Amino acid sequence: MPFPTAEDVAAFLGKAGDLTVVGLAGAHLPMVTELARAHTRGKGFTDYDLEAPVASVIVSATARLTNNPELLVSETIGDYSARYTVFQGWSIIERSVLDGYRRRTA
């Protein structure tokens, strides 16, 4: 499977074609991809392709970071308050997928 694109992340968020979202996703995508490569120690990655489950993890993690780039945990304005999803590392599901690709020995 080819590496995910910023457009893939925007589509995952339901904001395909939104240039602001595509731009943010494009800025965050390389970092999240390298975090995934480091976690798996390169397993599941080749020069031009990567395994579909790893690509899915990259898209979902990048979407969390793109959706809340300020990393706000919560916000209160008058009577209104909101809690946000924050990228603080891999979710439990993402981690279980990546751990399946992680080499356990050197």
PDB file of N, CA and C in Angstrom:
ATOM      1  N   MET A   1       0.854  -1.170   0.000  1.00  0.00           N
ATOM      2  CA  MET A   1       0.000   0.000   0.000  1.00  0.00           C
ATOM      3  C   MET A   1       0.902   1.234   0.000  1.00  0.00           C
ATOM      4  N   PRO A   2       0.551   2.257  -0.761  1.00  0.00           N
ATOM      5  CA  PRO A   2       1.366   3.477  -0.743  1.00  0.00           C
ATOM      6  C   PRO A   2       1.223   4.209   0.595  1.00  0.00           C
ATOM      7  N   PHE A   3       2.193   5.062   0.861  1.00  0.00           N
ATOM      8  CA  PHE A   3       2.141   5.858   2.084  1.00  0.00           C
ATOM      9  C   PHE A   3       0.919   6.767   2.067  1.00  0.00           C
ATOM     10  N   PRO A   4       0.286   6.995   3.216  1.00  0.00           N
ATOM     11  CA  PRO A   4      -0.881   7.878   3.266  1.00  0.00           C
ATOM     12  C   PRO A   4      -0.498   9.309   2.890  1.00  0.00           C
ATOM     13  N   THR A   5      -1.476  10.031   2.390  1.00  0.00           N
ATOM     14  CA  THR A   5      -1.270  11.422   2.017  1.00  0.00           C
ATOM     15  C   THR A   5      -2.090  12.328   2.936  1.00  0.00           C
ATOM     16  N   ALA A   6      -1.813  13.609   2.867  1.00  0.00           N
ATOM     17  CA  ALA A   6      -2.586  14.576   3.639  1.00  0.00           C
ATOM     18  C   ALA A   6      -4.052  14.555   3.224  1.00  0.00           C
ATOM     19  N   GLU A   7      -4.309  14.300   1.954  1.00  0.00           N
ATOM     20  CA  GLU A   7      -5.686  14.199   1.464  1.00  0.00           C
ATOM     21  C   GLU A   7      -6.407  13.007   2.090  1.00  0.00           C
ATOM     22  N   ASP A   8      -5.680  11.903   2.322  1.00  0.00           N
ATOM     23  CA  ASP A   8      -6.269  10.733   2.994  1.00  0.00           C
ATOM     24  C   ASP A   8      -6.704  11.095   4.410  1.00  0.00           C
ATOM     25  N   VAL A   9      -5.879  11.859   5.103  1.00  0.00           N
ATOM     26  CA  VAL A   9      -6.200  12.268   6.477  1.00  0.00           C
ATOM     27  C   VAL A   9      -7.420  13.186   6.478  1.00  0.00           C
ATOM     28  N   ALA A  10      -7.449  14.147   5.566  1.00  0.00           N
ATOM     29  CA  ALA A  10      -8.594  15.059   5.480  1.00  0.00           C
ATOM     30  C   ALA A  10      -9.875  14.291   5.169  1.00  0.00           C
ATOM     31  N   ALA A  11      -9.799  13.317   4.273  1.00  0.00           N
ATOM     32  CA  ALA A  11     -10.975  12.504   3.950  1.00  0.00           C
ATOM     33  C   ALA A  11     -11.419  11.699   5.169  1.00  0.00           C
ATOM     34  N   PHE A  12     -10.479  11.175   5.935  1.00  0.00           N
ATOM     35  CA  PHE A  12     -10.791  10.425   7.158  1.00  0.00           C
ATOM     36  C   PHE A  12     -11.550  11.311   8.147  1.00  0.00           C
ATOM     37  N   LEU A  13     -11.192  12.592   8.186  1.00  0.00           N
ATOM     38  CA  LEU A  13     -11.864  13.544   9.077  1.00  0.00           C
ATOM     39  C   LEU A  13     -13.179  14.053   8.505  1.00  0.00           C
ATOM     40  N   GLY A  14     -13.514  13.640   7.283  1.00  0.00           N
ATOM     41  CA  GLY A  14     -14.731  14.114   6.647  1.00  0.00           C
ATOM     42  C   GLY A  14     -14.593  15.528   6.105  1.00  0.00           C
ATOM     43  N   LYS A  15     -13.354  15.948   5.858  1.00  0.00           N
ATOM     44  CA  LYS A  15     -13.099  17.303   5.389  1.00  0.00           C
ATOM     45  C   LYS A  15     -12.265  17.290   4.111  1.00  0.00           C
ATOM     46  N   ALA A  16     -12.558  16.338   3.238  1.00  0.00           N
ATOM     47  CA  ALA A  16     -11.829  16.247   1.971  1.00  0.00           C
ATOM     48  C   ALA A  16     -11.989  17.555   1.209  1.00  0.00           C
ATOM     49  N   GLY A  17     -10.902  18.045   0.662  1.00  0.00           N
ATOM     50  CA  GLY A  17     -10.947  19.276  -0.104  1.00  0.00           C
ATOM     51  C   GLY A  17     -10.756  20.538   0.717  1.00  0.00           C
ATOM     52  N   ASP A  18     -10.782  20.447   2.044  1.00  0.00           N
ATOM     53  CA  ASP A  18     -10.554  21.610   2.898  1.00  0.00           C
ATOM     54  C   ASP A  18      -9.045  21.865   2.938  1.00  0.00           C
ATOM     55  N   LEU A  19      -8.599  22.918   2.284  1.00  0.00           N
ATOM     56  CA  LEU A  19      -7.164  23.163   2.130  1.00  0.00           C
ATOM     57  C   LEU A  19      -6.458  23.426   3.455  1.00  0.00           C
ATOM     58  N   THR A  20      -7.159  23.992   4.424  1.00  0.00           N
ATOM     59  CA  THR A  20      -6.561  24.214   5.744  1.00  0.00           C
ATOM     60  C   THR A  20      -6.258  22.882   6.418  1.00  0.00           C
ATOM     61  N   VAL A  21      -7.211  21.969   6.371  1.00  0.00           N
ATOM     62  CA  VAL A  21      -7.032  20.648   6.980  1.00  0.00           C
ATOM     63  C   VAL A  21      -5.950  19.869   6.238  1.00  0.00           C
ATOM     64  N   VAL A  22      -5.976  19.928   4.911  1.00  0.00           N
ATOM     65  CA  VAL A  22      -4.959  19.229   4.114  1.00  0.00           C
ATOM     66  C   VAL A  22      -3.570  19.782   4.452  1.00  0.00           C
ATOM     67  N   GLY A  23      -3.459  21.087   4.620  1.00  0.00           N
ATOM     68  CA  GLY A  23      -2.177  21.693   4.978  1.00  0.00           C
ATOM     69  C   GLY A  23      -1.683  21.257   6.346  1.00  0.00           C
ATOM     70  N   LEU A  24      -2.574  21.257   7.330  1.00  0.00           N
ATOM     71  CA  LEU A  24      -2.198  20.800   8.676  1.00  0.00           C
ATOM     72  C   LEU A  24      -1.801  19.328   8.664  1.00  0.00           C
ATOM     73  N   ALA A  25      -2.586  18.524   7.965  1.00  0.00           N
ATOM     74  CA  ALA A  25      -2.276  17.094   7.880  1.00  0.00           C
ATOM     75  C   ALA A  25      -0.921  16.888   7.208  1.00  0.00           C
ATOM     76  N   GLY A  26      -0.648  17.668   6.174  1.00  0.00           N
ATOM     77  CA  GLY A  26       0.639  17.565   5.496  1.00  0.00           C
ATOM     78  C   GLY A  26       1.806  17.925   6.392  1.00  0.00           C
ATOM     79  N   ALA A  27       1.582  18.847   7.309  1.00  0.00           N
ATOM     80  CA  ALA A  27       2.634  19.228   8.251  1.00  0.00           C
ATOM     81  C   ALA A  27       2.863  18.156   9.311  1.00  0.00           C
ATOM     82  N   HIS A  28       1.807  17.472   9.733  1.00  0.00           N
ATOM     83  CA  HIS A  28       1.917  16.478  10.811  1.00  0.00           C
ATOM     84  C   HIS A  28       2.238  15.072  10.317  1.00  0.00           C
ATOM     85  N   LEU A  29       1.882  14.773   9.100  1.00  0.00           N
ATOM     86  CA  LEU A  29       2.019  13.413   8.569  1.00  0.00           C
ATOM     87  C   LEU A  29       3.451  12.872   8.606  1.00  0.00           C
ATOM     88  N   PRO A  30       4.473  13.635   8.206  1.00  0.00           N
ATOM     89  CA  PRO A  30       5.834  13.076   8.260  1.00  0.00           C
ATOM     90  C   PRO A  30       6.277  12.710   9.673  1.00  0.00           C
ATOM     91  N   MET A  31       5.912  13.521  10.673  1.00  0.00           N
ATOM     92  CA  MET A  31       6.311  13.224  12.040  1.00  0.00           C
ATOM     93  C   MET A  31       5.649  11.947  12.542  1.00  0.00           C
ATOM     94  N   VAL A  32       4.339  11.822  12.309  1.00  0.00           N
ATOM     95  CA  VAL A  32       3.625  10.632  12.777  1.00  0.00           C
ATOM     96  C   VAL A  32       4.145   9.388  12.058  1.00  0.00           C
ATOM     97  N   THR A  33       4.450   9.528  10.770  1.00  0.00           N
ATOM     98  CA  THR A  33       5.007   8.401  10.014  1.00  0.00           C
ATOM     99  C   THR A  33       6.332   7.954  10.613  1.00  0.00           C
ATOM    100  N   GLU A  34       7.183   8.903  10.961  1.00  0.00           N
ATOM    101  CA  GLU A  34       8.477   8.541  11.551  1.00  0.00           C
ATOM    102  C   GLU A  34       8.326   7.963  12.951  1.00  0.00           C
ATOM    103  N   LEU A  35       7.340   8.426  13.712  1.00  0.00           N
ATOM    104  CA  LEU A  35       7.074   7.809  15.019  1.00  0.00           C
ATOM    105  C   LEU A  35       6.654   6.350  14.853  1.00  0.00           C
ATOM    106  N   ALA A  36       5.827   6.088  13.857  1.00  0.00           N
ATOM    107  CA  ALA A  36       5.401   4.709  13.603  1.00  0.00           C
ATOM    108  C   ALA A  36       6.575   3.857  13.133  1.00  0.00           C
ATOM    109  N   ARG A  37       7.426   4.420  12.259  1.00  0.00           N
ATOM    110  CA  ARG A  37       8.605   3.683  11.788  1.00  0.00           C
ATOM    111  C   ARG A  37       9.533   3.352  12.967  1.00  0.00           C
ATOM    112  N   ALA A  38       9.715   4.314  13.865  1.00  0.00           N
ATOM    113  CA  ALA A  38      10.578   4.081  15.026  1.00  0.00           C
ATOM    114  C   ALA A  38       9.972   3.025  15.950  1.00  0.00           C
ATOM    115  N   HIS A  39       8.665   3.086  16.150  1.00  0.00           N
ATOM    116  CA  HIS A  39       8.016   2.120  17.048  1.00  0.00           C
ATOM    117  C   HIS A  39       8.152   0.693  16.521  1.00  0.00           C
ATOM    118  N   THR A  40       7.998   0.531  15.222  1.00  0.00           N
ATOM    119  CA  THR A  40       8.075  -0.817  14.639  1.00  0.00           C
ATOM    120  C   THR A  40       9.500  -1.194  14.265  1.00  0.00           C
ATOM    121  N   ARG A  41      10.421  -0.255  14.458  1.00  0.00           N
ATOM    122  CA  ARG A  41      11.822  -0.437  14.065  1.00  0.00           C
ATOM    123  C   ARG A  41      11.930  -0.773  12.576  1.00  0.00           C
ATOM    124  N   GLY A  42      11.054  -0.139  11.802  1.00  0.00           N
ATOM    125  CA  GLY A  42      11.089  -0.269  10.348  1.00  0.00           C
ATOM    126  C   GLY A  42      10.318  -1.442   9.783  1.00  0.00           C
ATOM    127  N   LYS A  43       9.855  -2.342  10.628  1.00  0.00           N
ATOM    128  CA  LYS A  43       9.105  -3.496  10.125  1.00  0.00           C
ATOM    129  C   LYS A  43       7.737  -3.023   9.625  1.00  0.00           C
ATOM    130  N   GLY A  44       7.349  -3.478   8.443  1.00  0.00           N
ATOM    131  CA  GLY A  44       6.097  -3.053   7.835  1.00  0.00           C
ATOM    132  C   GLY A  44       6.298  -1.912   6.859  1.00  0.00           C
ATOM    133  N   PHE A  45       7.524  -1.366   6.810  1.00  0.00           N
ATOM    134  CA  PHE A  45       7.870  -0.262   5.922  1.00  0.00           C
ATOM    135  C   PHE A  45       8.836  -0.749   4.851  1.00  0.00           C
ATOM    136  N   THR A  46       8.664  -0.285   3.635  1.00  0.00           N
ATOM    137  CA  THR A  46       9.676  -0.403   2.590  1.00  0.00           C
ATOM    138  C   THR A  46       9.907   1.008   2.065  1.00  0.00           C
ATOM    139  N   ASP A  47      10.745   1.139   1.055  1.00  0.00           N
ATOM    140  CA  ASP A  47      11.032   2.478   0.533  1.00  0.00           C
ATOM    141  C   ASP A  47       9.799   3.165  -0.038  1.00  0.00           C
ATOM    142  N   TYR A  48       8.905   2.394  -0.648  1.00  0.00           N
ATOM    143  CA  TYR A  48       7.769   3.001  -1.353  1.00  0.00           C
ATOM    144  C   TYR A  48       6.408   2.533  -0.861  1.00  0.00           C
ATOM    145  N   ASP A  49       6.355   1.543  -0.013  1.00  0.00           N
ATOM    146  CA  ASP A  49       5.091   0.976   0.450  1.00  0.00           C
ATOM    147  C   ASP A  49       5.152   0.738   1.947  1.00  0.00           C
ATOM    148  N   LEU A  50       3.966   0.537   2.507  1.00  0.00           N
ATOM    149  CA  LEU A  50       3.911   0.052   3.873  1.00  0.00           C
ATOM    150  C   LEU A  50       2.661  -0.798   4.035  1.00  0.00           C
ATOM    151  N   GLU A  51       2.661  -1.588   5.075  1.00  0.00           N
ATOM    152  CA  GLU A  51       1.538  -2.487   5.332  1.00  0.00           C
ATOM    153  C   GLU A  51       0.280  -1.672   5.611  1.00  0.00           C
ATOM    154  N   ALA A  52      -0.869  -2.152   5.133  1.00  0.00           N
ATOM    155  CA  ALA A  52      -2.140  -1.436   5.268  1.00  0.00           C
ATOM    156  C   ALA A  52      -2.498  -1.132   6.724  1.00  0.00           C
ATOM    157  N   PRO A  53      -2.321  -2.059   7.674  1.00  0.00           N
ATOM    158  CA  PRO A  53      -2.654  -1.722   9.061  1.00  0.00           C
ATOM    159  C   PRO A  53      -1.790  -0.583   9.619  1.00  0.00           C
ATOM    160  N   VAL A  54      -0.520  -0.552   9.241  1.00  0.00           N
ATOM    161  CA  VAL A  54       0.357   0.525   9.702  1.00  0.00           C
ATOM    162  C   VAL A  54      -0.093   1.845   9.077  1.00  0.00           C
ATOM    163  N   ALA A  55      -0.472   1.822   7.827  1.00  0.00           N
ATOM    164  CA  ALA A  55      -0.982   3.030   7.159  1.00  0.00           C
ATOM    165  C   ALA A  55      -2.232   3.542   7.868  1.00  0.00           C
ATOM    166  N   SER A  56      -3.094   2.636   8.284  1.00  0.00           N
ATOM    167  CA  SER A  56      -4.313   3.030   8.999  1.00  0.00           C
ATOM    168  C   SER A  56      -3.990   3.707  10.323  1.00  0.00           C
ATOM    169  N   VAL A  57      -3.012   3.191  11.033  1.00  0.00           N
ATOM    170  CA  VAL A  57      -2.589   3.803  12.295  1.00  0.00           C
ATOM    171  C   VAL A  57      -2.053   5.205  12.038  1.00  0.00           C
ATOM    172  N   ILE A  58      -1.257   5.364  11.004  1.00  0.00           N
ATOM    173  CA  ILE A  58      -0.688   6.674  10.687  1.00  0.00           C
ATOM    174  C   ILE A  58      -1.797   7.669  10.369  1.00  0.00           C
ATOM    175  N   VAL A  59      -2.786   7.246   9.601  1.00  0.00           N
ATOM    176  CA  VAL A  59      -3.897   8.141   9.257  1.00  0.00           C
ATOM    177  C   VAL A  59      -4.689   8.528  10.495  1.00  0.00           C
ATOM    178  N   SER A  60      -5.024   7.565  11.346  1.00  0.00           N
ATOM    179  CA  SER A  60      -5.850   7.885  12.512  1.00  0.00           C
ATOM    180  C   SER A  60      -5.106   8.753  13.519  1.00  0.00           C
ATOM    181  N   ALA A  61      -3.828   8.497  13.746  1.00  0.00           N
ATOM    182  CA  ALA A  61      -3.052   9.314  14.680  1.00  0.00           C
ATOM    183  C   ALA A  61      -2.841  10.721  14.128  1.00  0.00           C
ATOM    184  N   THR A  62      -2.565  10.818  12.833  1.00  0.00           N
ATOM    185  CA  THR A  62      -2.402  12.140  12.217  1.00  0.00           C
ATOM    186  C   THR A  62      -3.713  12.912  12.272  1.00  0.00           C
ATOM    187  N   ALA A  63      -4.822  12.224  12.112  1.00  0.00           N
ATOM    188  CA  ALA A  63      -6.131  12.888  12.177  1.00  0.00           C
ATOM    189  C   ALA A  63      -6.366  13.488  13.557  1.00  0.00           C
ATOM    190  N   ARG A  64      -5.992  12.781  14.622  1.00  0.00           N
ATOM    191  CA  ARG A  64      -6.154  13.328  15.977  1.00  0.00           C
ATOM    192  C   ARG A  64      -5.325  14.590  16.155  1.00  0.00           C
ATOM    193  N   LEU A  65      -4.094  14.556  15.666  1.00  0.00           N
ATOM    194  CA  LEU A  65      -3.213  15.709  15.793  1.00  0.00           C
ATOM    195  C   LEU A  65      -3.679  16.859  14.907  1.00  0.00           C
ATOM    196  N   THR A  66      -4.154  16.561  13.713  1.00  0.00           N
ATOM    197  CA  THR A  66      -4.632  17.588  12.788  1.00  0.00           C
ATOM    198  C   THR A  66      -5.905  18.235  13.305  1.00  0.00           C
ATOM    199  N   ASN A  67      -6.760  17.457  13.925  1.00  0.00           N
ATOM    200  CA  ASN A  67      -8.035  17.966  14.435  1.00  0.00           C
ATOM    201  C   ASN A  67      -7.843  18.902  15.629  1.00  0.00           C
ATOM    202  N   ASN A  68      -6.744  18.748  16.356  1.00  0.00           N
ATOM    203  CA  ASN A  68      -6.488  19.558  17.542  1.00  0.00           C
ATOM    204  C   ASN A  68      -5.001  19.909  17.601  1.00  0.00           C
ATOM    205  N   PRO A  69      -4.506  20.746  16.659  1.00  0.00           N
ATOM    206  CA  PRO A  69      -3.063  21.018  16.609  1.00  0.00           C
ATOM    207  C   PRO A  69      -2.543  21.809  17.811  1.00  0.00           C
ATOM    208  N   GLU A  70      -3.420  22.511  18.508  1.00  0.00           N
ATOM    209  CA  GLU A  70      -2.991  23.264  19.694  1.00  0.00           C
ATOM    210  C   GLU A  70      -2.848  22.370  20.911  1.00  0.00           C
ATOM    211  N   LEU A  71      -3.284  21.123  20.798  1.00  0.00           N
ATOM    212  CA  LEU A  71      -3.251  20.141  21.884  1.00  0.00           C
ATOM    213  C   LEU A  71      -4.033  20.607  23.105  1.00  0.00           C
ATOM    214  N   LEU A  72      -5.165  21.282  22.849  1.00  0.00           N
ATOM    215  CA  LEU A  72      -6.042  21.711  23.938  1.00  0.00           C
ATOM    216  C   LEU A  72      -6.713  20.492  24.558  1.00  0.00           C
ATOM    217  N   VAL A  73      -6.714  20.424  25.866  1.00  0.00           N
ATOM    218  CA  VAL A  73      -7.375  19.329  26.571  1.00  0.00           C
ATOM    219  C   VAL A  73      -8.842  19.673  26.776  1.00  0.00           C
ATOM    220  N   SER A  74      -9.099  20.910  27.212  1.00  0.00           N
ATOM    221  CA  SER A  74     -10.469  21.354  27.410  1.00  0.00           C
ATOM    222  C   SER A  74     -10.529  22.866  27.233  1.00  0.00           C
ATOM    223  N   GLU A  75     -11.752  23.347  27.093  1.00  0.00           N
ATOM    224  CA  GLU A  75     -11.966  24.775  26.888  1.00  0.00           C
ATOM    225  C   GLU A  75     -13.306  25.130  27.511  1.00  0.00           C
ATOM    226  N   THR A  76     -13.343  26.260  28.222  1.00  0.00           N
ATOM    227  CA  THR A  76     -14.582  26.720  28.828  1.00  0.00           C
ATOM    228  C   THR A  76     -14.798  28.178  28.464  1.00  0.00           C
ATOM    229  N   ILE A  77     -15.987  28.462  27.933  1.00  0.00           N
ATOM    230  CA  ILE A  77     -16.378  29.828  27.619  1.00  0.00           C
ATOM    231  C   ILE A  77     -17.778  30.019  28.188  1.00  0.00           C
ATOM    232  N   GLY A  78     -17.877  30.754  29.274  1.00  0.00           N
ATOM    233  CA  GLY A  78     -19.162  30.934  29.932  1.00  0.00           C
ATOM    234  C   GLY A  78     -19.695  29.598  30.421  1.00  0.00           C
ATOM    235  N   ASP A  79     -20.926  29.268  30.028  1.00  0.00           N
ATOM    236  CA  ASP A  79     -21.545  28.007  30.424  1.00  0.00           C
ATOM    237  C   ASP A  79     -21.128  26.845  29.533  1.00  0.00           C
ATOM    238  N   TYR A  80     -20.470  27.154  28.436  1.00  0.00           N
ATOM    239  CA  TYR A  80     -20.071  26.118  27.472  1.00  0.00           C
ATOM    240  C   TYR A  80     -18.703  25.552  27.845  1.00  0.00           C
ATOM    241  N   SER A  81     -18.577  24.241  27.813  1.00  0.00           N
ATOM    242  CA  SER A  81     -17.270  23.617  28.004  1.00  0.00           C
ATOM    243  C   SER A  81     -17.150  22.428  27.055  1.00  0.00           C
ATOM    244  N   ALA A  82     -15.944  22.159  26.646  1.00  0.00           N
ATOM    245  CA  ALA A  82     -15.685  21.053  25.721  1.00  0.00           C
ATOM    246  C   ALA A  82     -14.380  20.381  26.107  1.00  0.00           C
ATOM    247  N   ARG A  83     -14.332  19.062  25.927  1.00  0.00           N
ATOM    248  CA  ARG A  83     -13.100  18.279  26.093  1.00  0.00           C
ATOM    249  C   ARG A  83     -12.716  17.764  24.724  1.00  0.00           C
ATOM    250  N   TYR A  84     -11.435  17.818  24.419  1.00  0.00           N
ATOM    251  CA  TYR A  84     -10.950  17.451  23.099  1.00  0.00           C
ATOM    252  C   TYR A  84     -10.107  16.184  23.145  1.00  0.00           C
ATOM    253  N   THR A  85     -10.041  15.520  22.009  1.00  0.00           N
ATOM    254  CA  THR A  85      -9.128  14.398  21.852  1.00  0.00           C
ATOM    255  C   THR A  85      -7.748  14.975  21.593  1.00  0.00           C
ATOM    256  N   VAL A  86      -6.774  14.501  22.321  1.00  0.00           N
ATOM    257  CA  VAL A  86      -5.420  15.032  22.217  1.00  0.00           C
ATOM    258  C   VAL A  86      -4.486  13.917  21.787  1.00  0.00           C
ATOM    259  N   PHE A  87      -3.544  14.247  20.903  1.00  0.00           N
ATOM    260  CA  PHE A  87      -2.523  13.270  20.533  1.00  0.00           C
ATOM    261  C   PHE A  87      -1.470  13.250  21.621  1.00  0.00           C
ATOM    262  N   GLN A  88      -1.494  12.189  22.428  1.00  0.00           N
ATOM    263  CA  GLN A  88      -0.503  12.009  23.489  1.00  0.00           C
ATOM    264  C   GLN A  88       0.212  10.686  23.299  1.00  0.00           C
ATOM    265  N   GLY A  89       0.355  10.297  22.058  1.00  0.00           N
ATOM    266  CA  GLY A  89       0.953   9.008  21.741  1.00  0.00           C
ATOM    267  C   GLY A  89      -0.101   8.129  21.097  1.00  0.00           C
ATOM    268  N   TRP A  90       0.217   6.877  20.965  1.00  0.00           N
ATOM    269  CA  TRP A  90      -0.682   5.940  20.290  1.00  0.00           C
ATOM    270  C   TRP A  90      -1.867   5.586  21.179  1.00  0.00           C
ATOM    271  N   SER A  91      -3.033   5.430  20.555  1.00  0.00           N
ATOM    272  CA  SER A  91      -4.189   4.917  21.298  1.00  0.00           C
ATOM    273  C   SER A  91      -3.948   3.431  21.559  1.00  0.00           C
ATOM    274  N   ILE A  92      -4.773   2.832  22.376  1.00  0.00           N
ATOM    275  CA  ILE A  92      -4.616   1.406  22.690  1.00  0.00           C
ATOM    276  C   ILE A  92      -4.743   0.559  21.420  1.00  0.00           C
ATOM    277  N   ILE A  93      -5.692   0.883  20.573  1.00  0.00           N
ATOM    278  CA  ILE A  93      -5.876   0.111  19.347  1.00  0.00           C
ATOM    279  C   ILE A  93      -4.694   0.308  18.406  1.00  0.00           C
ATOM    280  N   GLU A  94      -4.241   1.552  18.247  1.00  0.00           N
ATOM    281  CA  GLU A  94      -3.085   1.812  17.382  1.00  0.00           C
ATOM    282  C   GLU A  94      -1.853   1.072  17.904  1.00  0.00           C
ATOM    283  N   ARG A  95      -1.679   1.095  19.196  1.00  0.00           N
ATOM    284  CA  ARG A  95      -0.517   0.428  19.797  1.00  0.00           C
ATOM    285  C   ARG A  95      -0.567  -1.069  19.571  1.00  0.00           C
ATOM    286  N   SER A  96      -1.744  -1.666  19.672  1.00  0.00           N
ATOM    287  CA  SER A  96      -1.833  -3.114  19.454  1.00  0.00           C
ATOM    288  C   SER A  96      -1.497  -3.469  18.007  1.00  0.00           C
ATOM    289  N   VAL A  97      -1.891  -2.617  17.069  1.00  0.00           N
ATOM    290  CA  VAL A  97      -1.546  -2.861  15.664  1.00  0.00           C
ATOM    291  C   VAL A  97      -0.036  -2.721  15.469  1.00  0.00           C
ATOM    292  N   LEU A  98       0.535  -1.628  15.958  1.00  0.00           N
ATOM    293  CA  LEU A  98       1.969  -1.408  15.769  1.00  0.00           C
ATOM    294  C   LEU A  98       2.815  -2.455  16.484  1.00  0.00           C
ATOM    295  N   ASP A  99       2.379  -2.887  17.658  1.00  0.00           N
ATOM    296  CA  ASP A  99       3.135  -3.909  18.391  1.00  0.00           C
ATOM    297  C   ASP A  99       3.203  -5.221  17.614  1.00  0.00           C
ATOM    298  N   GLY A 100       2.200  -5.488  16.794  1.00  0.00           N
ATOM    299  CA  GLY A 100       2.247  -6.690  15.957  1.00  0.00           C
ATOM    300  C   GLY A 100       3.352  -6.643  14.919  1.00  0.00           C
ATOM    301  N   TYR A 101       3.832  -5.466  14.583  1.00  0.00           N
ATOM    302  CA  TYR A 101       4.917  -5.301  13.614  1.00  0.00           C
ATOM    303  C   TYR A 101       6.263  -5.054  14.285  1.00  0.00           C
ATOM    304  N   ARG A 102       6.260  -4.785  15.559  1.00  0.00           N
ATOM    305  CA  ARG A 102       7.493  -4.416  16.254  1.00  0.00           C
ATOM    306  C   ARG A 102       8.407  -5.625  16.397  1.00  0.00           C
ATOM    307  N   ARG A 103       9.665  -5.439  16.016  1.00  0.00           N
ATOM    308  CA  ARG A 103      10.651  -6.497  16.243  1.00  0.00           C
ATOM    309  C   ARG A 103      11.014  -6.502  17.705  1.00  0.00           C
ATOM    310  N   ARG A 104      11.033  -7.649  18.314  1.00  0.00           N
ATOM    311  CA  ARG A 104      11.289  -7.741  19.753  1.00  0.00           C
ATOM    312  C   ARG A 104      12.783  -7.896  20.060  1.00  0.00           C
ATOM    313  N   THR A 105      13.556  -8.323  19.074  1.00  0.00           N
ATOM    314  CA  THR A 105      14.997  -8.481  19.278  1.00  0.00           C
ATOM    315  C   THR A 105      15.743  -7.727  18.191  1.00  0.00           C
ATOM    316  N   ALA A 106      16.985  -7.419  18.473  1.00  0.00           N
ATOM    317  CA  ALA A 106      17.787  -6.651  17.503  1.00  0.00           C
ATOM    318  C   ALA A 106      18.273  -7.468  16.354  1.00  0.00           C
TER     319      ALA A 106
END
